[in-house]
Amino acid sequence: MFAAFGVNFLAYLLVLIFIVAVVLLACFIGIKWRKSKDAKMAMASEAEVTDN
């Protein structure tokens, strides 16, 4: 009885760890993309200011 519980518990724990890892990876990718976009916008606004 406890062996079956342990196997199921570990299986769900592995699924939970996988989901958390995917969510964290998505967050880091989103942060990287946002910083890149903000840097491009800052460079564009600097170029616009120097042109005028």
N, C-alpha and C. Protein backbone atom coordinates (compact mmCIF):
# COMPACT_ATOMS: atom_id res chain seq x y z
N MET A 1 0.83 -1.20 0.00
CA MET A 1 0.00 0.00 0.00
C MET A 1 0.87 1.26 0.00
N PHE A 2 1.86 1.29 0.87
CA PHE A 2 2.71 2.48 0.93
C PHE A 2 3.64 2.56 -0.28
N ALA A 3 4.00 1.42 -0.85
CA ALA A 3 4.86 1.42 -2.03
C ALA A 3 4.13 2.06 -3.21
N ALA A 4 2.86 1.73 -3.37
CA ALA A 4 2.07 2.32 -4.47
C ALA A 4 1.92 3.83 -4.26
N PHE A 5 1.70 4.22 -3.01
CA PHE A 5 1.61 5.65 -2.72
C PHE A 5 2.92 6.35 -3.05
N GLY A 6 4.03 5.74 -2.68
CA GLY A 6 5.34 6.34 -2.93
C GLY A 6 5.62 6.49 -4.41
N VAL A 7 5.28 5.49 -5.20
CA VAL A 7 5.50 5.56 -6.65
C VAL A 7 4.64 6.66 -7.26
N ASN A 8 3.38 6.72 -6.88
CA ASN A 8 2.50 7.77 -7.41
C ASN A 8 2.96 9.16 -6.96
N PHE A 9 3.38 9.26 -5.71
CA PHE A 9 3.86 10.53 -5.20
C PHE A 9 5.07 11.02 -5.99
N LEU A 10 6.02 10.13 -6.24
CA LEU A 10 7.21 10.51 -7.00
C LEU A 10 6.86 10.88 -8.44
N ALA A 11 5.91 10.18 -9.03
CA ALA A 11 5.51 10.49 -10.40
C ALA A 11 4.90 11.89 -10.47
N TYR A 12 4.00 12.21 -9.55
CA TYR A 12 3.39 13.54 -9.55
C TYR A 12 4.42 14.61 -9.18
N LEU A 13 5.36 14.27 -8.32
CA LEU A 13 6.41 15.21 -7.96
C LEU A 13 7.28 15.54 -9.17
N LEU A 14 7.61 14.54 -9.97
CA LEU A 14 8.39 14.78 -11.18
C LEU A 14 7.63 15.65 -12.17
N VAL A 15 6.34 15.42 -12.31
CA VAL A 15 5.52 16.24 -13.20
C VAL A 15 5.49 17.67 -12.70
N LEU A 16 5.34 17.86 -11.40
CA LEU A 16 5.32 19.20 -10.82
C LEU A 16 6.65 19.90 -11.05
N ILE A 17 7.75 19.21 -10.84
CA ILE A 17 9.07 19.80 -11.06
C ILE A 17 9.24 20.19 -12.52
N PHE A 18 8.78 19.35 -13.44
CA PHE A 18 8.87 19.66 -14.87
C PHE A 18 8.07 20.91 -15.20
N ILE A 19 6.86 21.01 -14.68
CA ILE A 19 6.01 22.18 -14.96
C ILE A 19 6.64 23.44 -14.41
N VAL A 20 7.17 23.38 -13.20
CA VAL A 20 7.81 24.54 -12.59
C VAL A 20 9.03 24.96 -13.42
N ALA A 21 9.80 23.99 -13.89
CA ALA A 21 10.98 24.30 -14.71
C ALA A 21 10.58 24.99 -16.01
N VAL A 22 9.51 24.52 -16.64
CA VAL A 22 9.05 25.14 -17.89
C VAL A 22 8.56 26.56 -17.64
N VAL A 23 7.85 26.78 -16.56
CA VAL A 23 7.36 28.12 -16.23
C VAL A 23 8.52 29.07 -15.96
N LEU A 24 9.52 28.61 -15.20
CA LEU A 24 10.68 29.46 -14.92
C LEU A 24 11.45 29.78 -16.20
N LEU A 25 11.60 28.80 -17.06
CA LEU A 25 12.28 29.03 -18.34
C LEU A 25 11.53 30.06 -19.17
N ALA A 26 10.20 29.95 -19.20
CA ALA A 26 9.40 30.92 -19.95
C ALA A 26 9.54 32.32 -19.36
N CYS A 27 9.60 32.43 -18.06
CA CYS A 27 9.77 33.74 -17.41
C CYS A 27 11.11 34.36 -17.78
N PHE A 28 12.18 33.56 -17.73
CA PHE A 28 13.50 34.09 -18.06
C PHE A 28 13.57 34.50 -19.53
N ILE A 29 12.95 33.73 -20.41
CA ILE A 29 12.94 34.09 -21.84
C ILE A 29 12.16 35.39 -22.03
N GLY A 30 11.03 35.52 -21.35
CA GLY A 30 10.23 36.74 -21.45
C GLY A 30 10.99 37.96 -20.94
N ILE A 31 11.72 37.80 -19.85
CA ILE A 31 12.52 38.91 -19.32
C ILE A 31 13.61 39.30 -20.31
N LYS A 32 14.26 38.30 -20.89
CA LYS A 32 15.33 38.57 -21.86
C LYS A 32 14.78 39.32 -23.07
N TRP A 33 13.63 38.86 -23.60
CA TRP A 33 13.03 39.52 -24.76
C TRP A 33 12.62 40.95 -24.43
N ARG A 34 12.07 41.16 -23.23
CA ARG A 34 11.64 42.50 -22.85
C ARG A 34 12.82 43.45 -22.72
N LYS A 35 13.92 42.98 -22.11
CA LYS A 35 15.11 43.82 -21.99
C LYS A 35 15.66 44.16 -23.37
N SER A 36 15.65 43.19 -24.27
CA SER A 36 16.14 43.43 -25.62
C SER A 36 15.27 44.47 -26.32
N LYS A 37 13.96 44.34 -26.17
CA LYS A 37 13.03 45.29 -26.79
C LYS A 37 13.22 46.69 -26.21
N ASP A 38 13.38 46.77 -24.89
CA ASP A 38 13.59 48.07 -24.26
C ASP A 38 14.90 48.70 -24.71
N ALA A 39 15.94 47.89 -24.88
CA ALA A 39 17.23 48.43 -25.34
C ALA A 39 17.10 48.95 -26.76
N LYS A 40 16.39 48.25 -27.62
CA LYS A 40 16.19 48.72 -28.99
C LYS A 40 15.40 50.02 -29.01
N MET A 41 14.37 50.11 -28.17
CA MET A 41 13.58 51.35 -28.11
C MET A 41 14.43 52.51 -27.61
N ALA A 42 15.30 52.25 -26.63
CA ALA A 42 16.16 53.31 -26.10
C ALA A 42 17.14 53.78 -27.16
N MET A 43 17.70 52.84 -27.91
CA MET A 43 18.63 53.23 -28.97
C MET A 43 17.91 54.02 -30.05
N ALA A 44 16.69 53.63 -30.38
CA ALA A 44 15.93 54.35 -31.40
C ALA A 44 15.60 55.76 -30.93
N SER A 45 15.23 55.90 -29.66
CA SER A 45 14.90 57.24 -29.17
C SER A 45 16.15 58.11 -29.08
N GLU A 46 17.31 57.52 -28.76
CA GLU A 46 18.56 58.30 -28.74
C GLU A 46 18.92 58.76 -30.15
N ALA A 47 18.74 57.89 -31.11
CA ALA A 47 19.04 58.25 -32.51
C ALA A 47 18.10 59.36 -32.96
N GLU A 48 16.87 59.31 -32.53
CA GLU A 48 15.88 60.33 -32.91
C GLU A 48 16.25 61.67 -32.30
N VAL A 49 16.74 61.65 -31.09
CA VAL A 49 17.12 62.90 -30.40
C VAL A 49 18.35 63.50 -31.07
N THR A 50 19.32 62.68 -31.44
CA THR A 50 20.54 63.21 -32.06
C THR A 50 20.29 63.69 -33.48
N ASP A 51 19.28 63.15 -34.16
CA ASP A 51 18.95 63.59 -35.51
C ASP A 51 18.36 64.99 -35.51
N ASN A 52 17.65 65.34 -34.48
CA ASN A 52 16.96 66.65 -34.44
C ASN A 52 17.85 67.73 -33.97
